[in-house]
């Protein structure tokens, strides 16, 4: 699988990856994504890699109003 597209969005606090995975399982079924192996606690952003531009657009639409 090739993840050619990415989207970076603001997120803060600990456990960013598990929180995003849980949110994605509930809100983005069927969309494959790739996350970095780890994200520092002090980081204020998360970059998600996606397979297609349609997946990226679906992610950006769902992120509007989402809270982590």
C-alpha atoms as a PDB file:
ATOM      1  CA  UNK A   1       0.000   0.000   0.000  1.00  0.00           C
ATOM      2  CA  UNK A   2       1.162   3.447  -0.839  1.00  0.00           C
ATOM      3  CA  UNK A   3       0.122   6.399   1.263  1.00  0.00           C
ATOM      4  CA  UNK A   4       0.821   9.349  -1.010  1.00  0.00           C
ATOM      5  CA  UNK A   5      -1.397  12.000   0.543  1.00  0.00           C
ATOM      6  CA  UNK A   6      -1.213  13.553   3.975  1.00  0.00           C
ATOM      7  CA  UNK A   7      -3.130  15.865   6.234  1.00  0.00           C
ATOM      8  CA  UNK A   8      -1.770  17.621   9.319  1.00  0.00           C
ATOM      9  CA  UNK A   9      -4.176  18.899  11.926  1.00  0.00           C
ATOM     10  CA  UNK A  10      -3.878  20.346  15.427  1.00  0.00           C
ATOM     11  CA  UNK A  11      -4.131  17.976  18.371  1.00  0.00           C
ATOM     12  CA  UNK A  12      -2.597  18.304  21.804  1.00  0.00           C
ATOM     13  CA  UNK A  13      -2.141  16.269  24.929  1.00  0.00           C
ATOM     14  CA  UNK A  14      -0.961  12.739  25.560  1.00  0.00           C
ATOM     15  CA  UNK A  15      -2.058   9.568  23.752  1.00  0.00           C
ATOM     16  CA  UNK A  16      -2.642  11.241  20.393  1.00  0.00           C
ATOM     17  CA  UNK A  17      -2.334   8.051  18.364  1.00  0.00           C
ATOM     18  CA  UNK A  18      -4.780   5.909  20.378  1.00  0.00           C
ATOM     19  CA  UNK A  19      -7.273   8.785  20.515  1.00  0.00           C
ATOM     20  CA  UNK A  20      -7.090   9.284  16.750  1.00  0.00           C
ATOM     21  CA  UNK A  21      -7.351   5.538  16.050  1.00  0.00           C
ATOM     22  CA  UNK A  22     -10.483   5.276  18.180  1.00  0.00           C
ATOM     23  CA  UNK A  23     -12.038   8.334  16.540  1.00  0.00           C
ATOM     24  CA  UNK A  24     -11.165   7.035  13.060  1.00  0.00           C
ATOM     25  CA  UNK A  25     -12.691   3.615  13.801  1.00  0.00           C
ATOM     26  CA  UNK A  26     -15.951   5.319  14.747  1.00  0.00           C
ATOM     27  CA  UNK A  27     -16.013   8.036  12.068  1.00  0.00           C
ATOM     28  CA  UNK A  28     -13.964   6.801   9.105  1.00  0.00           C
ATOM     29  CA  UNK A  29     -14.789   3.144   8.482  1.00  0.00           C
ATOM     30  CA  UNK A  30     -13.210   1.755   5.352  1.00  0.00           C
ATOM     31  CA  UNK A  31     -10.522   4.432   5.009  1.00  0.00           C
ATOM     32  CA  UNK A  32      -6.962   3.153   5.255  1.00  0.00           C
ATOM     33  CA  UNK A  33      -4.458   5.483   6.889  1.00  0.00           C
ATOM     34  CA  UNK A  34      -0.934   5.411   8.223  1.00  0.00           C
ATOM     35  CA  UNK A  35       0.240   7.076  11.424  1.00  0.00           C
ATOM     36  CA  UNK A  36       3.754   7.761  12.651  1.00  0.00           C
ATOM     37  CA  UNK A  37       5.170   5.219  15.129  1.00  0.00           C
ATOM     38  CA  UNK A  38       5.092   7.809  17.910  1.00  0.00           C
ATOM     39  CA  UNK A  39       4.323  11.472  18.549  1.00  0.00           C
ATOM     40  CA  UNK A  40       5.934  13.517  21.323  1.00  0.00           C
ATOM     41  CA  UNK A  41       3.610  14.709  24.081  1.00  0.00           C
ATOM     42  CA  UNK A  42       4.740  18.302  23.487  1.00  0.00           C
ATOM     43  CA  UNK A  43       3.773  18.139  19.821  1.00  0.00           C
ATOM     44  CA  UNK A  44       0.666  20.118  18.879  1.00  0.00           C
ATOM     45  CA  UNK A  45      -0.033  18.481  15.501  1.00  0.00           C
ATOM     46  CA  UNK A  46      -0.529  15.059  13.977  1.00  0.00           C
ATOM     47  CA  UNK A  47       0.120  14.075  10.366  1.00  0.00           C
ATOM     48  CA  UNK A  48      -2.006  11.299   8.910  1.00  0.00           C
ATOM     49  CA  UNK A  49      -1.035   9.693   5.604  1.00  0.00           C
ATOM     50  CA  UNK A  50      -3.793   8.501   3.263  1.00  0.00           C
ATOM     51  CA  UNK A  51      -4.028   6.521   0.034  1.00  0.00           C
ATOM     52  CA  UNK A  52      -6.155   8.817  -2.110  1.00  0.00           C
ATOM     53  CA  UNK A  53      -7.265  12.402  -2.391  1.00  0.00           C
ATOM     54  CA  UNK A  54     -10.849  11.244  -1.790  1.00  0.00           C
ATOM     55  CA  UNK A  55      -9.782   9.732   1.550  1.00  0.00           C
ATOM     56  CA  UNK A  56      -8.021  12.991   2.431  1.00  0.00           C
ATOM     57  CA  UNK A  57     -11.137  15.005   1.599  1.00  0.00           C
ATOM     58  CA  UNK A  58     -13.311  12.669   3.684  1.00  0.00           C
ATOM     59  CA  UNK A  59     -10.920  13.069   6.628  1.00  0.00           C
ATOM     60  CA  UNK A  60     -10.890  16.857   6.427  1.00  0.00           C
ATOM     61  CA  UNK A  61     -14.700  16.960   6.265  1.00  0.00           C
ATOM     62  CA  UNK A  62     -15.055  14.717   9.324  1.00  0.00           C
ATOM     63  CA  UNK A  63     -12.445  16.656  11.306  1.00  0.00           C
ATOM     64  CA  UNK A  64     -14.533  19.848  11.165  1.00  0.00           C
ATOM     65  CA  UNK A  65     -15.982  20.138  14.640  1.00  0.00           C
ATOM     66  CA  UNK A  66     -14.268  16.989  15.944  1.00  0.00           C
ATOM     67  CA  UNK A  67     -12.764  17.161  19.391  1.00  0.00           C
ATOM     68  CA  UNK A  68     -10.014  14.928  20.682  1.00  0.00           C
END
